[in-house]
């Protein structure tokens, strides 16, 4: 996986990065999503999505801040089903970043 999306995106879901991606590998949950996700097998490691992100949430895997390393697994686990419950299983979710509490899983 070349790039991942981390905590600054939670609750923001700004999609400025989506059109910047030349291979359309950034996905947003359909409704009431928590954040955007980068598909690990589709990302071509170009970095085009990094600069358009207004909250600096996108990192190369090997440069992900230590406190957000678990987002590498969260991004990976979101696929192939595009299931946020599966993505977050076993990981702390920063519910305070959302305007409303997350759905119980």
N, C-alpha and C. Protein backbone atom coordinates (compact mmCIF):
# COMPACT_ATOMS: atom_id res chain seq x y z
N UNK A 1 0.85 -1.17 0.00
CA UNK A 1 0.00 0.00 0.00
C UNK A 1 0.89 1.24 0.00
N UNK A 2 0.63 2.13 -0.88
CA UNK A 2 1.49 3.29 -1.02
C UNK A 2 1.12 4.44 -0.10
N UNK A 3 -0.15 4.83 -0.09
CA UNK A 3 -0.62 5.94 0.74
C UNK A 3 -1.82 5.48 1.57
N UNK A 4 -2.02 6.14 2.70
CA UNK A 4 -3.19 5.86 3.54
C UNK A 4 -3.79 7.19 3.99
N UNK A 5 -5.04 7.11 4.44
CA UNK A 5 -5.72 8.28 4.99
C UNK A 5 -5.85 8.04 6.50
N UNK A 6 -5.50 9.06 7.29
CA UNK A 6 -5.47 8.92 8.75
C UNK A 6 -6.49 9.84 9.44
N UNK A 7 -6.35 9.96 10.74
CA UNK A 7 -7.33 10.61 11.62
C UNK A 7 -7.81 12.01 11.21
N UNK A 8 -6.98 12.87 10.65
CA UNK A 8 -7.52 14.20 10.31
C UNK A 8 -8.73 14.16 9.38
N UNK A 9 -8.91 13.08 8.64
CA UNK A 9 -10.06 12.95 7.74
C UNK A 9 -11.34 12.56 8.48
N UNK A 10 -11.21 11.96 9.65
CA UNK A 10 -12.39 11.49 10.38
C UNK A 10 -13.33 12.65 10.67
N UNK A 11 -14.57 12.49 10.22
CA UNK A 11 -15.57 13.52 10.42
C UNK A 11 -15.51 14.66 9.42
N UNK A 12 -14.43 14.74 8.65
CA UNK A 12 -14.26 15.81 7.68
C UNK A 12 -14.78 15.36 6.31
N UNK A 13 -14.25 14.26 5.83
CA UNK A 13 -14.64 13.68 4.55
C UNK A 13 -14.61 14.68 3.40
N UNK A 14 -13.67 15.61 3.43
CA UNK A 14 -13.51 16.53 2.32
C UNK A 14 -12.99 15.73 1.13
N UNK A 15 -13.64 15.84 0.01
CA UNK A 15 -13.31 15.00 -1.14
C UNK A 15 -12.41 15.68 -2.18
N UNK A 16 -11.67 16.70 -1.78
CA UNK A 16 -10.78 17.39 -2.71
C UNK A 16 -9.71 16.45 -3.27
N UNK A 17 -9.37 15.43 -2.52
CA UNK A 17 -8.35 14.47 -2.96
C UNK A 17 -8.86 13.51 -4.03
N UNK A 18 -10.16 13.27 -4.05
CA UNK A 18 -10.74 12.26 -4.94
C UNK A 18 -10.48 12.56 -6.42
N UNK A 19 -10.81 13.75 -6.93
CA UNK A 19 -10.55 14.00 -8.36
C UNK A 19 -9.06 14.10 -8.70
N UNK A 20 -8.22 14.32 -7.69
CA UNK A 20 -6.78 14.40 -7.93
C UNK A 20 -6.17 13.04 -8.21
N UNK A 21 -6.83 11.97 -7.81
CA UNK A 21 -6.30 10.62 -7.98
C UNK A 21 -6.49 10.15 -9.42
N UNK A 22 -5.40 9.84 -10.12
CA UNK A 22 -5.53 9.42 -11.52
C UNK A 22 -6.09 8.02 -11.72
N UNK A 23 -6.14 7.22 -10.65
CA UNK A 23 -6.65 5.85 -10.78
C UNK A 23 -7.92 5.61 -9.97
N UNK A 24 -8.51 6.66 -9.43
CA UNK A 24 -9.76 6.56 -8.68
C UNK A 24 -9.71 5.51 -7.57
N UNK A 25 -8.67 5.58 -6.73
CA UNK A 25 -8.53 4.58 -5.67
C UNK A 25 -8.95 5.10 -4.29
N UNK A 26 -9.57 6.30 -4.23
CA UNK A 26 -10.03 6.85 -2.96
C UNK A 26 -11.53 6.69 -2.90
N UNK A 27 -11.99 6.07 -1.82
CA UNK A 27 -13.41 5.74 -1.68
C UNK A 27 -14.02 6.40 -0.46
N UNK A 28 -15.29 6.77 -0.60
CA UNK A 28 -16.07 7.33 0.50
C UNK A 28 -17.24 6.41 0.77
N UNK A 29 -17.51 6.12 2.04
CA UNK A 29 -18.70 5.33 2.36
C UNK A 29 -19.95 6.03 1.82
N UNK A 30 -20.95 5.25 1.46
CA UNK A 30 -22.16 5.78 0.85
C UNK A 30 -22.90 6.78 1.74
N UNK A 31 -23.15 6.42 2.98
CA UNK A 31 -23.93 7.27 3.88
C UNK A 31 -23.34 7.23 5.28
N UNK A 32 -23.37 8.37 5.94
CA UNK A 32 -22.90 8.44 7.33
C UNK A 32 -21.50 7.88 7.51
N UNK A 33 -20.64 8.09 6.53
CA UNK A 33 -19.28 7.58 6.61
C UNK A 33 -18.45 8.33 7.63
N UNK A 34 -17.42 7.65 8.09
CA UNK A 34 -16.53 8.22 9.09
C UNK A 34 -15.36 8.96 8.46
N UNK A 35 -14.87 8.44 7.32
CA UNK A 35 -13.70 9.01 6.67
C UNK A 35 -13.59 8.45 5.25
N UNK A 36 -12.60 8.90 4.50
CA UNK A 36 -12.30 8.34 3.17
C UNK A 36 -11.24 7.26 3.34
N UNK A 37 -11.15 6.38 2.34
CA UNK A 37 -10.20 5.26 2.39
C UNK A 37 -9.49 5.11 1.05
N UNK A 38 -8.21 4.76 1.08
CA UNK A 38 -7.44 4.50 -0.13
C UNK A 38 -7.30 2.99 -0.29
N UNK A 39 -7.67 2.51 -1.48
CA UNK A 39 -7.59 1.07 -1.77
C UNK A 39 -6.11 0.68 -1.92
N UNK A 40 -5.63 -0.24 -1.10
CA UNK A 40 -4.20 -0.58 -1.10
C UNK A 40 -3.71 -1.24 -2.39
N UNK A 41 -4.57 -1.92 -3.11
CA UNK A 41 -4.14 -2.59 -4.33
C UNK A 41 -4.30 -1.73 -5.57
N UNK A 42 -5.04 -0.63 -5.46
CA UNK A 42 -5.26 0.25 -6.60
C UNK A 42 -4.34 1.46 -6.60
N UNK A 43 -3.85 1.86 -5.42
CA UNK A 43 -2.98 3.03 -5.30
C UNK A 43 -1.68 2.78 -6.05
N UNK A 44 -1.28 3.76 -6.88
CA UNK A 44 -0.05 3.61 -7.68
C UNK A 44 1.12 4.41 -7.12
N UNK A 45 0.99 4.91 -5.90
CA UNK A 45 2.09 5.59 -5.22
C UNK A 45 2.52 6.88 -5.92
N UNK A 46 1.55 7.60 -6.50
CA UNK A 46 1.91 8.82 -7.23
C UNK A 46 1.92 10.06 -6.33
N UNK A 47 1.14 10.04 -5.23
CA UNK A 47 1.10 11.16 -4.30
C UNK A 47 0.25 12.34 -4.75
N UNK A 48 -0.48 12.20 -5.85
CA UNK A 48 -1.29 13.31 -6.37
C UNK A 48 -2.38 13.75 -5.39
N UNK A 49 -2.79 12.87 -4.51
CA UNK A 49 -3.87 13.16 -3.56
C UNK A 49 -3.41 13.96 -2.34
N UNK A 50 -2.13 13.97 -2.06
CA UNK A 50 -1.62 14.56 -0.82
C UNK A 50 -1.86 16.06 -0.74
N UNK A 51 -1.43 16.80 -1.73
CA UNK A 51 -1.54 18.27 -1.68
C UNK A 51 -2.98 18.78 -1.65
N UNK A 52 -3.92 18.20 -2.39
CA UNK A 52 -5.29 18.72 -2.34
C UNK A 52 -6.02 18.48 -1.01
N UNK A 53 -5.51 17.59 -0.18
CA UNK A 53 -6.18 17.29 1.10
C UNK A 53 -6.06 18.50 2.03
N UNK A 54 -7.20 19.13 2.38
CA UNK A 54 -7.14 20.34 3.20
C UNK A 54 -6.81 20.11 4.67
N UNK A 55 -6.85 18.85 5.12
CA UNK A 55 -6.57 18.57 6.53
C UNK A 55 -5.30 17.75 6.73
N UNK A 56 -4.49 17.61 5.70
CA UNK A 56 -3.22 16.86 5.77
C UNK A 56 -3.41 15.49 6.39
N UNK A 57 -4.34 14.71 5.83
CA UNK A 57 -4.66 13.39 6.37
C UNK A 57 -4.03 12.25 5.58
N UNK A 58 -3.37 12.54 4.46
CA UNK A 58 -2.85 11.49 3.59
C UNK A 58 -1.34 11.38 3.73
N UNK A 59 -0.89 10.13 3.97
CA UNK A 59 0.54 9.88 4.21
C UNK A 59 1.02 8.68 3.43
N UNK A 60 2.30 8.69 2.99
CA UNK A 60 2.89 7.45 2.52
C UNK A 60 2.93 6.49 3.71
N UNK A 61 2.72 5.22 3.48
CA UNK A 61 2.68 4.25 4.58
C UNK A 61 3.90 4.38 5.49
N UNK A 62 5.07 4.48 4.91
CA UNK A 62 6.29 4.50 5.73
C UNK A 62 6.55 5.86 6.40
N UNK A 63 5.69 6.85 6.15
CA UNK A 63 5.83 8.16 6.80
C UNK A 63 4.62 8.50 7.67
N UNK A 64 3.76 7.52 7.90
CA UNK A 64 2.59 7.73 8.74
C UNK A 64 3.05 7.99 10.18
N UNK A 65 2.56 9.07 10.80
CA UNK A 65 2.96 9.33 12.19
C UNK A 65 2.65 8.13 13.09
N UNK A 66 3.52 7.88 14.03
CA UNK A 66 3.40 6.72 14.91
C UNK A 66 2.02 6.61 15.55
N UNK A 67 1.46 7.73 16.01
CA UNK A 67 0.16 7.70 16.68
C UNK A 67 -0.98 7.29 15.76
N UNK A 68 -0.75 7.30 14.44
CA UNK A 68 -1.78 6.93 13.47
C UNK A 68 -1.42 5.69 12.66
N UNK A 69 -0.42 4.95 13.07
CA UNK A 69 0.00 3.76 12.32
C UNK A 69 -1.14 2.75 12.14
N UNK A 70 -2.06 2.66 13.09
CA UNK A 70 -3.14 1.69 12.96
C UNK A 70 -4.07 2.02 11.79
N UNK A 71 -4.02 3.25 11.28
CA UNK A 71 -4.83 3.61 10.12
C UNK A 71 -4.37 2.86 8.86
N UNK A 72 -3.16 2.36 8.86
CA UNK A 72 -2.70 1.53 7.74
C UNK A 72 -3.59 0.30 7.65
N UNK A 73 -3.83 -0.33 8.79
CA UNK A 73 -4.69 -1.51 8.83
C UNK A 73 -6.17 -1.14 8.61
N UNK A 74 -6.60 -0.01 9.14
CA UNK A 74 -7.98 0.43 8.95
C UNK A 74 -8.27 0.61 7.46
N UNK A 75 -7.36 1.29 6.73
CA UNK A 75 -7.55 1.46 5.28
C UNK A 75 -7.58 0.12 4.57
N UNK A 76 -6.66 -0.76 4.91
CA UNK A 76 -6.60 -2.09 4.28
C UNK A 76 -7.87 -2.90 4.54
N UNK A 77 -8.34 -2.89 5.79
CA UNK A 77 -9.49 -3.71 6.18
C UNK A 77 -10.82 -3.20 5.62
N UNK A 78 -10.86 -1.97 5.16
CA UNK A 78 -12.09 -1.44 4.56
C UNK A 78 -12.44 -2.18 3.27
N UNK A 79 -11.43 -2.73 2.63
CA UNK A 79 -11.61 -3.42 1.35
C UNK A 79 -11.53 -4.93 1.53
N UNK A 80 -12.09 -5.74 0.66
CA UNK A 80 -12.78 -5.40 -0.58
C UNK A 80 -14.26 -5.07 -0.39
N UNK A 81 -14.80 -5.31 0.79
CA UNK A 81 -16.24 -5.15 0.99
C UNK A 81 -16.69 -3.69 1.13
N UNK A 82 -15.73 -2.78 1.36
CA UNK A 82 -16.04 -1.38 1.65
C UNK A 82 -16.96 -1.30 2.87
N UNK A 83 -16.50 -1.92 3.94
CA UNK A 83 -17.28 -2.07 5.17
C UNK A 83 -16.56 -1.37 6.33
N UNK A 84 -17.13 -0.27 6.82
CA UNK A 84 -16.47 0.47 7.90
C UNK A 84 -16.43 -0.30 9.20
N UNK A 85 -17.44 -1.09 9.49
CA UNK A 85 -17.43 -1.89 10.73
C UNK A 85 -16.23 -2.84 10.70
N UNK A 86 -16.00 -3.47 9.56
CA UNK A 86 -14.87 -4.38 9.41
C UNK A 86 -13.54 -3.61 9.49
N UNK A 87 -13.50 -2.45 8.88
CA UNK A 87 -12.27 -1.64 8.88
C UNK A 87 -11.83 -1.28 10.29
N UNK A 88 -12.80 -0.95 11.14
CA UNK A 88 -12.48 -0.45 12.48
C UNK A 88 -12.46 -1.53 13.55
N UNK A 89 -12.79 -2.76 13.20
CA UNK A 89 -12.80 -3.85 14.19
C UNK A 89 -11.44 -3.95 14.89
N UNK A 90 -11.47 -3.86 16.20
CA UNK A 90 -10.24 -3.99 16.99
C UNK A 90 -9.42 -2.72 17.12
N UNK A 91 -9.93 -1.60 16.59
CA UNK A 91 -9.18 -0.34 16.65
C UNK A 91 -10.01 0.73 17.35
N UNK A 92 -9.37 1.63 18.07
CA UNK A 92 -10.10 2.71 18.73
C UNK A 92 -10.60 3.71 17.70
N UNK A 93 -11.86 4.07 17.79
CA UNK A 93 -12.41 5.05 16.87
C UNK A 93 -12.52 6.39 17.58
N UNK A 94 -11.99 7.46 16.98
CA UNK A 94 -12.04 8.79 17.62
C UNK A 94 -13.42 9.43 17.47
N UNK A 95 -14.40 8.92 18.21
CA UNK A 95 -15.79 9.37 18.09
C UNK A 95 -15.94 10.88 18.32
N UNK A 96 -15.07 11.45 19.12
CA UNK A 96 -15.17 12.88 19.38
C UNK A 96 -14.93 13.72 18.13
N UNK A 97 -14.36 13.13 17.10
CA UNK A 97 -14.11 13.85 15.85
C UNK A 97 -15.38 13.97 15.00
N UNK A 98 -16.38 13.17 15.30
CA UNK A 98 -17.63 13.22 14.55
C UNK A 98 -18.58 14.23 15.17
N UNK A 99 -19.43 14.79 14.34
CA UNK A 99 -20.44 15.73 14.84
C UNK A 99 -21.53 14.99 15.60
N UNK A 100 -21.70 13.70 15.28
CA UNK A 100 -22.69 12.86 15.97
C UNK A 100 -22.00 11.57 16.33
N UNK A 101 -22.49 10.84 17.33
CA UNK A 101 -21.85 9.59 17.72
C UNK A 101 -21.96 8.56 16.62
N UNK A 102 -20.94 7.68 16.48
CA UNK A 102 -21.00 6.64 15.45
C UNK A 102 -22.07 5.62 15.76
N UNK A 103 -22.54 4.94 14.72
CA UNK A 103 -23.52 3.87 14.90
C UNK A 103 -22.89 2.77 15.73
N UNK A 104 -23.67 2.15 16.58
CA UNK A 104 -23.17 1.02 17.37
C UNK A 104 -22.97 -0.16 16.44
N UNK A 105 -21.87 -0.85 16.61
CA UNK A 105 -21.56 -2.01 15.76
C UNK A 105 -21.53 -3.25 16.57
